Amino acid sequence: MPTYAVTYTYDERTDVRDRVRPEHRDYLRSLADDGLLLGSGPFTEGEPGALLVFRADDRAALDALLDADPFAREGIVAATAVRTWDVVIGPWSAS
């Protein structure tokens, strides 16, 4: 199953982000519980955004997960970058 590194860039509406964050985190926790999300969290410097690491069957499956994110639904995610990641060392590696 491929691993994907996803970066979100958020828009400037911190009020909406703060309001939707509990639902967003509950959604991500459910994906982690299902083994689809390996880790996620906001960047602590620079423009507002986050890094998320997923395992999904393919890009279409990943896109469905991203589209269902409450932050995406509310339009808080201004940009999304997705890269397939070959994890060769560490606890997320296949070996």
PDB file of N, CA and C in Angstrom:
ATOM      1  N   MET A   1       0.856  -1.174   0.000  1.00  0.00           N
ATOM      2  CA  MET A   1       0.000   0.000   0.000  1.00  0.00           C
ATOM      3  C   MET A   1       0.902   1.239   0.000  1.00  0.00           C
ATOM      4  N   PRO A   2       0.716   2.149  -0.938  1.00  0.00           N
ATOM      5  CA  PRO A   2       1.581   3.331  -1.011  1.00  0.00           C
ATOM      6  C   PRO A   2       1.433   4.246   0.205  1.00  0.00           C
ATOM      7  N   THR A   3       2.512   4.952   0.498  1.00  0.00           N
ATOM      8  CA  THR A   3       2.522   5.979   1.535  1.00  0.00           C
ATOM      9  C   THR A   3       2.567   7.330   0.840  1.00  0.00           C
ATOM     10  N   TYR A   4       1.778   8.273   1.349  1.00  0.00           N
ATOM     11  CA  TYR A   4       1.682   9.606   0.766  1.00  0.00           C
ATOM     12  C   TYR A   4       1.998  10.667   1.815  1.00  0.00           C
ATOM     13  N   ALA A   5       2.867  11.603   1.446  1.00  0.00           N
ATOM     14  CA  ALA A   5       3.119  12.784   2.265  1.00  0.00           C
ATOM     15  C   ALA A   5       2.252  13.904   1.695  1.00  0.00           C
ATOM     16  N   VAL A   6       1.416  14.463   2.543  1.00  0.00           N
ATOM     17  CA  VAL A   6       0.468  15.490   2.122  1.00  0.00           C
ATOM     18  C   VAL A   6       0.735  16.749   2.935  1.00  0.00           C
ATOM     19  N   THR A   7       0.816  17.873   2.250  1.00  0.00           N
ATOM     20  CA  THR A   7       0.895  19.144   2.957  1.00  0.00           C
ATOM     21  C   THR A   7      -0.344  19.957   2.643  1.00  0.00           C
ATOM     22  N   TYR A   8      -0.887  20.526   3.700  1.00  0.00           N
ATOM     23  CA  TYR A   8      -1.993  21.462   3.593  1.00  0.00           C
ATOM     24  C   TYR A   8      -1.433  22.864   3.802  1.00  0.00           C
ATOM     25  N   THR A   9      -1.917  23.815   3.048  1.00  0.00           N
ATOM     26  CA  THR A   9      -1.726  25.225   3.343  1.00  0.00           C
ATOM     27  C   THR A   9      -3.113  25.780   3.654  1.00  0.00           C
ATOM     28  N   TYR A  10      -3.237  26.403   4.817  1.00  0.00           N
ATOM     29  CA  TYR A  10      -4.535  26.909   5.251  1.00  0.00           C
ATOM     30  C   TYR A  10      -4.732  28.347   4.795  1.00  0.00           C
ATOM     31  N   ASP A  11      -5.992  28.722   4.647  1.00  0.00           N
ATOM     32  CA  ASP A  11      -6.290  30.123   4.391  1.00  0.00           C
ATOM     33  C   ASP A  11      -6.172  30.891   5.714  1.00  0.00           C
ATOM     34  N   GLU A  12      -6.457  32.145   5.698  1.00  0.00           N
ATOM     35  CA  GLU A  12      -6.236  33.005   6.869  1.00  0.00           C
ATOM     36  C   GLU A  12      -7.414  33.051   7.843  1.00  0.00           C
ATOM     37  N   ARG A  13      -8.448  32.273   7.598  1.00  0.00           N
ATOM     38  CA  ARG A  13      -9.634  32.323   8.472  1.00  0.00           C
ATOM     39  C   ARG A  13      -9.429  31.478   9.728  1.00  0.00           C
ATOM     40  N   THR A  14      -8.668  32.018  10.662  1.00  0.00           N
ATOM     41  CA  THR A  14      -8.380  31.269  11.893  1.00  0.00           C
ATOM     42  C   THR A  14      -9.646  31.011  12.706  1.00  0.00           C
ATOM     43  N   ASP A  15     -10.626  31.901  12.624  1.00  0.00           N
ATOM     44  CA  ASP A  15     -11.864  31.702  13.373  1.00  0.00           C
ATOM     45  C   ASP A  15     -12.600  30.449  12.897  1.00  0.00           C
ATOM     46  N   VAL A  16     -12.666  30.249  11.593  1.00  0.00           N
ATOM     47  CA  VAL A  16     -13.316  29.055  11.049  1.00  0.00           C
ATOM     48  C   VAL A  16     -12.471  27.821  11.378  1.00  0.00           C
ATOM     49  N   ARG A  17     -11.166  27.935  11.234  1.00  0.00           N
ATOM     50  CA  ARG A  17     -10.272  26.809  11.551  1.00  0.00           C
ATOM     51  C   ARG A  17     -10.443  26.399  13.005  1.00  0.00           C
ATOM     52  N   ASP A  18     -10.493  27.369  13.910  1.00  0.00           N
ATOM     53  CA  ASP A  18     -10.668  27.055  15.335  1.00  0.00           C
ATOM     54  C   ASP A  18     -12.012  26.377  15.597  1.00  0.00           C
ATOM     55  N   ARG A  19     -13.049  26.810  14.899  1.00  0.00           N
ATOM     56  CA  ARG A  19     -14.383  26.242  15.103  1.00  0.00           C
ATOM     57  C   ARG A  19     -14.466  24.804  14.593  1.00  0.00           C
ATOM     58  N   VAL A  20     -13.828  24.520  13.457  1.00  0.00           N
ATOM     59  CA  VAL A  20     -13.933  23.209  12.809  1.00  0.00           C
ATOM     60  C   VAL A  20     -12.873  22.227  13.314  1.00  0.00           C
ATOM     61  N   ARG A  21     -11.824  22.724  13.977  1.00  0.00           N
ATOM     62  CA  ARG A  21     -10.709  21.863  14.393  1.00  0.00           C
ATOM     63  C   ARG A  21     -11.124  20.613  15.172  1.00  0.00           C
ATOM     64  N   PRO A  22     -12.039  20.680  16.146  1.00  0.00           N
ATOM     65  CA  PRO A  22     -12.401  19.434  16.853  1.00  0.00           C
ATOM     66  C   PRO A  22     -12.955  18.354  15.918  1.00  0.00           C
ATOM     67  N   GLU A  23     -13.796  18.741  14.966  1.00  0.00           N
ATOM     68  CA  GLU A  23     -14.344  17.768  14.016  1.00  0.00           C
ATOM     69  C   GLU A  23     -13.239  17.238  13.093  1.00  0.00           C
ATOM     70  N   HIS A  24     -12.361  18.118  12.642  1.00  0.00           N
ATOM     71  CA  HIS A  24     -11.212  17.733  11.807  1.00  0.00           C
ATOM     72  C   HIS A  24     -10.345  16.710  12.533  1.00  0.00           C
ATOM     73  N   ARG A  25     -10.025  16.985  13.790  1.00  0.00           N
ATOM     74  CA  ARG A  25      -9.169  16.057  14.540  1.00  0.00           C
ATOM     75  C   ARG A  25      -9.870  14.741  14.823  1.00  0.00           C
ATOM     76  N   ASP A  26     -11.168  14.769  15.100  1.00  0.00           N
ATOM     77  CA  ASP A  26     -11.906  13.512  15.284  1.00  0.00           C
ATOM     78  C   ASP A  26     -11.863  12.673  14.011  1.00  0.00           C
ATOM     79  N   TYR A  27     -12.015  13.325  12.869  1.00  0.00           N
ATOM     80  CA  TYR A  27     -11.949  12.628  11.589  1.00  0.00           C
ATOM     81  C   TYR A  27     -10.570  11.993  11.394  1.00  0.00           C
ATOM     82  N   LEU A  28      -9.519  12.773  11.638  1.00  0.00           N
ATOM     83  CA  LEU A  28      -8.167  12.239  11.479  1.00  0.00           C
ATOM     84  C   LEU A  28      -7.889  11.108  12.462  1.00  0.00           C
ATOM     85  N   ARG A  29      -8.384  11.219  13.696  1.00  0.00           N
ATOM     86  CA  ARG A  29      -8.204  10.123  14.665  1.00  0.00           C
ATOM     87  C   ARG A  29      -8.853   8.834  14.157  1.00  0.00           C
ATOM     88  N   SER A  30     -10.015   8.960  13.527  1.00  0.00           N
ATOM     89  CA  SER A  30     -10.683   7.761  13.005  1.00  0.00           C
ATOM     90  C   SER A  30      -9.849   7.132  11.898  1.00  0.00           C
ATOM     91  N   LEU A  31      -9.213   7.953  11.068  1.00  0.00           N
ATOM     92  CA  LEU A  31      -8.342   7.417  10.022  1.00  0.00           C
ATOM     93  C   LEU A  31      -7.103   6.758  10.623  1.00  0.00           C
ATOM     94  N   ALA A  32      -6.569   7.342  11.688  1.00  0.00           N
ATOM     95  CA  ALA A  32      -5.415   6.738  12.373  1.00  0.00           C
ATOM     96  C   ALA A  32      -5.819   5.401  12.991  1.00  0.00           C
ATOM     97  N   ASP A  33      -6.996   5.364  13.592  1.00  0.00           N
ATOM     98  CA  ASP A  33      -7.476   4.110  14.189  1.00  0.00           C
ATOM     99  C   ASP A  33      -7.639   3.016  13.130  1.00  0.00           C
ATOM    100  N   ASP A  34      -7.973   3.416  11.908  1.00  0.00           N
ATOM    101  CA  ASP A  34      -8.134   2.467  10.804  1.00  0.00           C
ATOM    102  C   ASP A  34      -6.812   2.129  10.116  1.00  0.00           C
ATOM    103  N   GLY A  35      -5.700   2.741  10.566  1.00  0.00           N
ATOM    104  CA  GLY A  35      -4.394   2.473   9.987  1.00  0.00           C
ATOM    105  C   GLY A  35      -4.112   3.228   8.696  1.00  0.00           C
ATOM    106  N   LEU A  36      -4.965   4.183   8.355  1.00  0.00           N
ATOM    107  CA  LEU A  36      -4.789   4.933   7.112  1.00  0.00           C
ATOM    108  C   LEU A  36      -3.930   6.189   7.296  1.00  0.00           C
ATOM    109  N   LEU A  37      -3.998   6.788   8.472  1.00  0.00           N
ATOM    110  CA  LEU A  37      -3.205   7.972   8.780  1.00  0.00           C
ATOM    111  C   LEU A  37      -2.104   7.571   9.750  1.00  0.00           C
ATOM    112  N   LEU A  38      -0.867   7.801   9.342  1.00  0.00           N
ATOM    113  CA  LEU A  38       0.272   7.435  10.190  1.00  0.00           C
ATOM    114  C   LEU A  38       0.635   8.548  11.148  1.00  0.00           C
ATOM    115  N   GLY A  39       0.469   9.789  10.734  1.00  0.00           N
ATOM    116  CA  GLY A  39       0.781  10.924  11.588  1.00  0.00           C
ATOM    117  C   GLY A  39       0.316  12.210  10.942  1.00  0.00           C
ATOM    118  N   SER A  40       0.058  13.207  11.772  1.00  0.00           N
ATOM    119  CA  SER A  40      -0.316  14.515  11.248  1.00  0.00           C
ATOM    120  C   SER A  40      -0.112  15.557  12.320  1.00  0.00           C
ATOM    121  N   GLY A  41       0.019  16.789  11.881  1.00  0.00           N
ATOM    122  CA  GLY A  41       0.120  17.896  12.814  1.00  0.00           C
ATOM    123  C   GLY A  41       0.436  19.186  12.084  1.00  0.00           C
ATOM    124  N   PRO A  42       0.139  20.301  12.756  1.00  0.00           N
ATOM    125  CA  PRO A  42       0.354  21.601  12.134  1.00  0.00           C
ATOM    126  C   PRO A  42       1.829  22.000  12.149  1.00  0.00           C
ATOM    127  N   PHE A  43       2.197  22.803  11.160  1.00  0.00           N
ATOM    128  CA  PHE A  43       3.521  23.410  11.174  1.00  0.00           C
ATOM    129  C   PHE A  43       3.545  24.468  12.270  1.00  0.00           C
ATOM    130  N   THR A  44       4.683  24.654  12.904  1.00  0.00           N
ATOM    131  CA  THR A  44       4.784  25.591  14.023  1.00  0.00           C
ATOM    132  C   THR A  44       5.431  26.916  13.628  1.00  0.00           C
ATOM    133  N   GLU A  45       5.852  27.017  12.367  1.00  0.00           N
ATOM    134  CA  GLU A  45       6.414  28.275  11.893  1.00  0.00           C
ATOM    135  C   GLU A  45       6.076  28.434  10.411  1.00  0.00           C
ATOM    136  N   GLY A  46       6.219  29.638   9.913  1.00  0.00           N
ATOM    137  CA  GLY A  46       5.906  29.885   8.509  1.00  0.00           C
ATOM    138  C   GLY A  46       4.415  30.018   8.296  1.00  0.00           C
ATOM    139  N   GLU A  47       4.016  29.894   7.024  1.00  0.00           N
ATOM    140  CA  GLU A  47       2.598  30.045   6.720  1.00  0.00           C
ATOM    141  C   GLU A  47       1.797  28.908   7.349  1.00  0.00           C
ATOM    142  N   PRO A  48       0.536  29.166   7.697  1.00  0.00           N
ATOM    143  CA  PRO A  48      -0.268  28.152   8.371  1.00  0.00           C
ATOM    144  C   PRO A  48      -0.524  26.942   7.484  1.00  0.00           C
ATOM    145  N   GLY A  49      -0.318  25.765   8.047  1.00  0.00           N
ATOM    146  CA  GLY A  49      -0.534  24.532   7.311  1.00  0.00           C
ATOM    147  C   GLY A  49      -0.190  23.334   8.152  1.00  0.00           C
ATOM    148  N   ALA A  50      -0.141  22.168   7.519  1.00  0.00           N
ATOM    149  CA  ALA A  50       0.099  20.923   8.243  1.00  0.00           C
ATOM    150  C   ALA A  50       0.731  19.890   7.320  1.00  0.00           C
ATOM    151  N   LEU A  51       1.344  18.896   7.943  1.00  0.00           N
ATOM    152  CA  LEU A  51       1.866  17.718   7.252  1.00  0.00           C
ATOM    153  C   LEU A  51       1.069  16.515   7.718  1.00  0.00           C
ATOM    154  N   LEU A  52       0.643  15.697   6.770  1.00  0.00           N
ATOM    155  CA  LEU A  52      -0.107  14.475   7.060  1.00  0.00           C
ATOM    156  C   LEU A  52       0.529  13.343   6.276  1.00  0.00           C
ATOM    157  N   VAL A  53       0.658  12.176   6.894  1.00  0.00           N
ATOM    158  CA  VAL A  53       1.235  11.012   6.223  1.00  0.00           C
ATOM    159  C   VAL A  53       0.185   9.906   6.229  1.00  0.00           C
ATOM    160  N   PHE A  54      -0.175   9.471   5.015  1.00  0.00           N
ATOM    161  CA  PHE A  54      -1.236   8.482   4.831  1.00  0.00           C
ATOM    162  C   PHE A  54      -0.703   7.222   4.171  1.00  0.00           C
ATOM    163  N   ARG A  55      -1.427   6.130   4.386  1.00  0.00           N
ATOM    164  CA  ARG A  55      -1.335   4.933   3.547  1.00  0.00           C
ATOM    165  C   ARG A  55      -2.707   4.751   2.930  1.00  0.00           C
ATOM    166  N   ALA A  56      -2.722   4.563   1.638  1.00  0.00           N
ATOM    167  CA  ALA A  56      -3.993   4.363   0.933  1.00  0.00           C
ATOM    168  C   ALA A  56      -3.750   3.415  -0.237  1.00  0.00           C
ATOM    169  N   ASP A  57      -4.799   2.756  -0.678  1.00  0.00           N
ATOM    170  CA  ASP A  57      -4.672   1.797  -1.779  1.00  0.00           C
ATOM    171  C   ASP A  57      -4.134   2.448  -3.046  1.00  0.00           C
ATOM    172  N   ASP A  58      -4.565   3.665  -3.314  1.00  0.00           N
ATOM    173  CA  ASP A  58      -4.125   4.384  -4.504  1.00  0.00           C
ATOM    174  C   ASP A  58      -4.477   5.855  -4.346  1.00  0.00           C
ATOM    175  N   ARG A  59      -4.131   6.636  -5.357  1.00  0.00           N
ATOM    176  CA  ARG A  59      -4.355   8.083  -5.277  1.00  0.00           C
ATOM    177  C   ARG A  59      -5.839   8.428  -5.205  1.00  0.00           C
ATOM    178  N   ALA A  60      -6.675   7.677  -5.887  1.00  0.00           N
ATOM    179  CA  ALA A  60      -8.114   7.940  -5.832  1.00  0.00           C
ATOM    180  C   ALA A  60      -8.648   7.739  -4.413  1.00  0.00           C
ATOM    181  N   ALA A  61      -8.183   6.698  -3.737  1.00  0.00           N
ATOM    182  CA  ALA A  61      -8.603   6.453  -2.358  1.00  0.00           C
ATOM    183  C   ALA A  61      -8.118   7.568  -1.442  1.00  0.00           C
ATOM    184  N   LEU A  62      -6.880   8.007  -1.657  1.00  0.00           N
ATOM    185  CA  LEU A  62      -6.359   9.122  -0.860  1.00  0.00           C
ATOM    186  C   LEU A  62      -7.181  10.382  -1.095  1.00  0.00           C
ATOM    187  N   ASP A  63      -7.468  10.688  -2.341  1.00  0.00           N
ATOM    188  CA  ASP A  63      -8.253  11.886  -2.654  1.00  0.00           C
ATOM    189  C   ASP A  63      -9.617  11.853  -1.975  1.00  0.00           C
ATOM    190  N   ALA A  64     -10.229  10.681  -1.893  1.00  0.00           N
ATOM    191  CA  ALA A  64     -11.518  10.556  -1.206  1.00  0.00           C
ATOM    192  C   ALA A  64     -11.367  10.872   0.279  1.00  0.00           C
ATOM    193  N   LEU A  65     -10.275  10.402   0.894  1.00  0.00           N
ATOM    194  CA  LEU A  65     -10.027  10.707   2.309  1.00  0.00           C
ATOM    195  C   LEU A  65      -9.822  12.202   2.514  1.00  0.00           C
ATOM    196  N   LEU A  66      -9.052  12.827   1.644  1.00  0.00           N
ATOM    197  CA  LEU A  66      -8.783  14.261   1.767  1.00  0.00           C
ATOM    198  C   LEU A  66     -10.053  15.076   1.552  1.00  0.00           C
ATOM    199  N   ASP A  67     -10.866  14.683   0.582  1.00  0.00           N
ATOM    200  CA  ASP A  67     -12.106  15.407   0.304  1.00  0.00           C
ATOM    201  C   ASP A  67     -13.090  15.330   1.470  1.00  0.00           C
ATOM    202  N   ALA A  68     -13.033  14.244   2.250  1.00  0.00           N
ATOM    203  CA  ALA A  68     -13.948  14.069   3.375  1.00  0.00           C
ATOM    204  C   ALA A  68     -13.487  14.796   4.635  1.00  0.00           C
ATOM    205  N   ASP A  69     -12.299  15.357   4.622  1.00  0.00           N
ATOM    206  CA  ASP A  69     -11.780  16.092   5.778  1.00  0.00           C
ATOM    207  C   ASP A  69     -12.644  17.334   6.011  1.00  0.00           C
ATOM    208  N   PRO A  70     -13.123  17.539   7.237  1.00  0.00           N
ATOM    209  CA  PRO A  70     -13.919  18.731   7.522  1.00  0.00           C
ATOM    210  C   PRO A  70     -13.217  20.047   7.159  1.00  0.00           C
ATOM    211  N   PHE A  71     -11.896  20.105   7.279  1.00  0.00           N
ATOM    212  CA  PHE A  71     -11.192  21.320   6.859  1.00  0.00           C
ATOM    213  C   PHE A  71     -11.358  21.545   5.355  1.00  0.00           C
ATOM    214  N   ALA A  72     -11.296  20.496   4.565  1.00  0.00           N
ATOM    215  CA  ALA A  72     -11.499  20.634   3.120  1.00  0.00           C
ATOM    216  C   ALA A  72     -12.943  21.024   2.827  1.00  0.00           C
ATOM    217  N   ARG A  73     -13.875  20.393   3.513  1.00  0.00           N
ATOM    218  CA  ARG A  73     -15.300  20.692   3.313  1.00  0.00           C
ATOM    219  C   ARG A  73     -15.598  22.169   3.558  1.00  0.00           C
ATOM    220  N   GLU A  74     -14.956  22.748   4.567  1.00  0.00           N
ATOM    221  CA  GLU A  74     -15.188  24.149   4.918  1.00  0.00           C
ATOM    222  C   GLU A  74     -14.350  25.116   4.080  1.00  0.00           C
ATOM    223  N   GLY A  75     -13.503  24.593   3.194  1.00  0.00           N
ATOM    224  CA  GLY A  75     -12.697  25.450   2.346  1.00  0.00           C
ATOM    225  C   GLY A  75     -11.509  26.083   3.042  1.00  0.00           C
ATOM    226  N   ILE A  76     -11.133  25.553   4.192  1.00  0.00           N
ATOM    227  CA  ILE A  76     -10.005  26.088   4.963  1.00  0.00           C
ATOM    228  C   ILE A  76      -8.676  25.747   4.295  1.00  0.00           C
ATOM    229  N   VAL A  77      -8.639  24.621   3.591  1.00  0.00           N
ATOM    230  CA  VAL A  77      -7.411  24.190   2.926  1.00  0.00           C
ATOM    231  C   VAL A  77      -7.313  24.942   1.599  1.00  0.00           C
ATOM    232  N   ALA A  78      -6.391  25.909   1.556  1.00  0.00           N
ATOM    233  CA  ALA A  78      -6.226  26.728   0.355  1.00  0.00           C
ATOM    234  C   ALA A  78      -5.431  25.986  -0.716  1.00  0.00           C
ATOM    235  N   ALA A  79      -4.516  25.114  -0.289  1.00  0.00           N
ATOM    236  CA  ALA A  79      -3.699  24.342  -1.240  1.00  0.00           C
ATOM    237  C   ALA A  79      -3.328  23.015  -0.606  1.00  0.00           C
ATOM    238  N   THR A  80      -3.276  21.990  -1.442  1.00  0.00           N
ATOM    239  CA  THR A  80      -2.873  20.657  -1.011  1.00  0.00           C
ATOM    240  C   THR A  80      -1.791  20.160  -1.958  1.00  0.00           C
ATOM    241  N   ALA A  81      -0.701  19.669  -1.388  1.00  0.00           N
ATOM    242  CA  ALA A  81       0.358  19.047  -2.193  1.00  0.00           C
ATOM    243  C   ALA A  81       0.476  17.598  -1.756  1.00  0.00           C
ATOM    244  N   VAL A  82       0.504  16.699  -2.719  1.00  0.00           N
ATOM    245  CA  VAL A  82       0.579  15.257  -2.442  1.00  0.00           C
ATOM    246  C   VAL A  82       1.787  14.690  -3.163  1.00  0.00           C
ATOM    247  N   ARG A  83       2.579  13.927  -2.416  1.00  0.00           N
ATOM    248  CA  ARG A  83       3.715  13.225  -3.026  1.00  0.00           C
ATOM    249  C   ARG A  83       3.740  11.800  -2.501  1.00  0.00           C
ATOM    250  N   THR A  84       3.946  10.850  -3.402  1.00  0.00           N
ATOM    251  CA  THR A  84       4.143   9.467  -2.982  1.00  0.00           C
ATOM    252  C   THR A  84       5.511   9.399  -2.329  1.00  0.00           C
ATOM    253  N   TRP A  85       5.578   8.707  -1.199  1.00  0.00           N
ATOM    254  CA  TRP A  85       6.794   8.698  -0.389  1.00  0.00           C
ATOM    255  C   TRP A  85       7.235   7.260  -0.177  1.00  0.00           C
ATOM    256  N   ASP A  86       8.473   6.961  -0.498  1.00  0.00           N
ATOM    257  CA  ASP A  86       9.065   5.640  -0.291  1.00  0.00           C
ATOM    258  C   ASP A  86       9.786   5.653   1.053  1.00  0.00           C
ATOM    259  N   VAL A  87       9.128   5.156   2.071  1.00  0.00           N
ATOM    260  CA  VAL A  87       9.684   5.163   3.424  1.00  0.00           C
ATOM    261  C   VAL A  87      10.607   3.942   3.549  1.00  0.00           C
ATOM    262  N   VAL A  88      11.918   4.170   3.637  1.00  0.00           N
ATOM    263  CA  VAL A  88      12.867   3.062   3.652  1.00  0.00           C
ATOM    264  C   VAL A  88      13.454   2.796   5.036  1.00  0.00           C
ATOM    265  N   ILE A  89      13.373   3.740   5.935  1.00  0.00           N
ATOM    266  CA  ILE A  89      13.924   3.564   7.290  1.00  0.00           C
ATOM    267  C   ILE A  89      12.922   4.095   8.295  1.00  0.00           C
ATOM    268  N   GLY A  90      12.782   3.401   9.397  1.00  0.00           N
ATOM    269  CA  GLY A  90      11.921   3.862  10.474  1.00  0.00           C
ATOM    270  C   GLY A  90      10.681   3.007  10.649  1.00  0.00           C
ATOM    271  N   PRO A  91       9.884   3.349  11.645  1.00  0.00           N
ATOM    272  CA  PRO A  91       8.729   2.515  11.988  1.00  0.00           C
ATOM    273  C   PRO A  91       7.641   2.481  10.914  1.00  0.00           C
ATOM    274  N   TRP A  92       7.639   3.431   9.992  1.00  0.00           N
ATOM    275  CA  TRP A  92       6.627   3.438   8.932  1.00  0.00           C
ATOM    276  C   TRP A  92       7.110   2.693   7.692  1.00  0.00           C
ATOM    277  N   SER A  93       8.344   2.223   7.684  1.00  0.00           N
ATOM    278  CA  SER A  93       8.855   1.546   6.503  1.00  0.00           C
ATOM    279  C   SER A  93       8.242   0.160   6.382  1.00  0.00           C
ATOM    280  N   ALA A  94       8.251  -0.360   5.164  1.00  0.00           N
ATOM    281  CA  ALA A  94       7.668  -1.677   4.907  1.00  0.00           C
ATOM    282  C   ALA A  94       8.549  -2.814   5.410  1.00  0.00           C
ATOM    283  N   SER A  95       9.844  -2.531   5.598  1.00  0.00           N
ATOM    284  CA  SER A  95      10.744  -3.606   6.016  1.00  0.00           C
ATOM    285  C   SER A  95      10.810  -3.767   7.510  1.00  0.00           C
TER     286      SER A  95
END
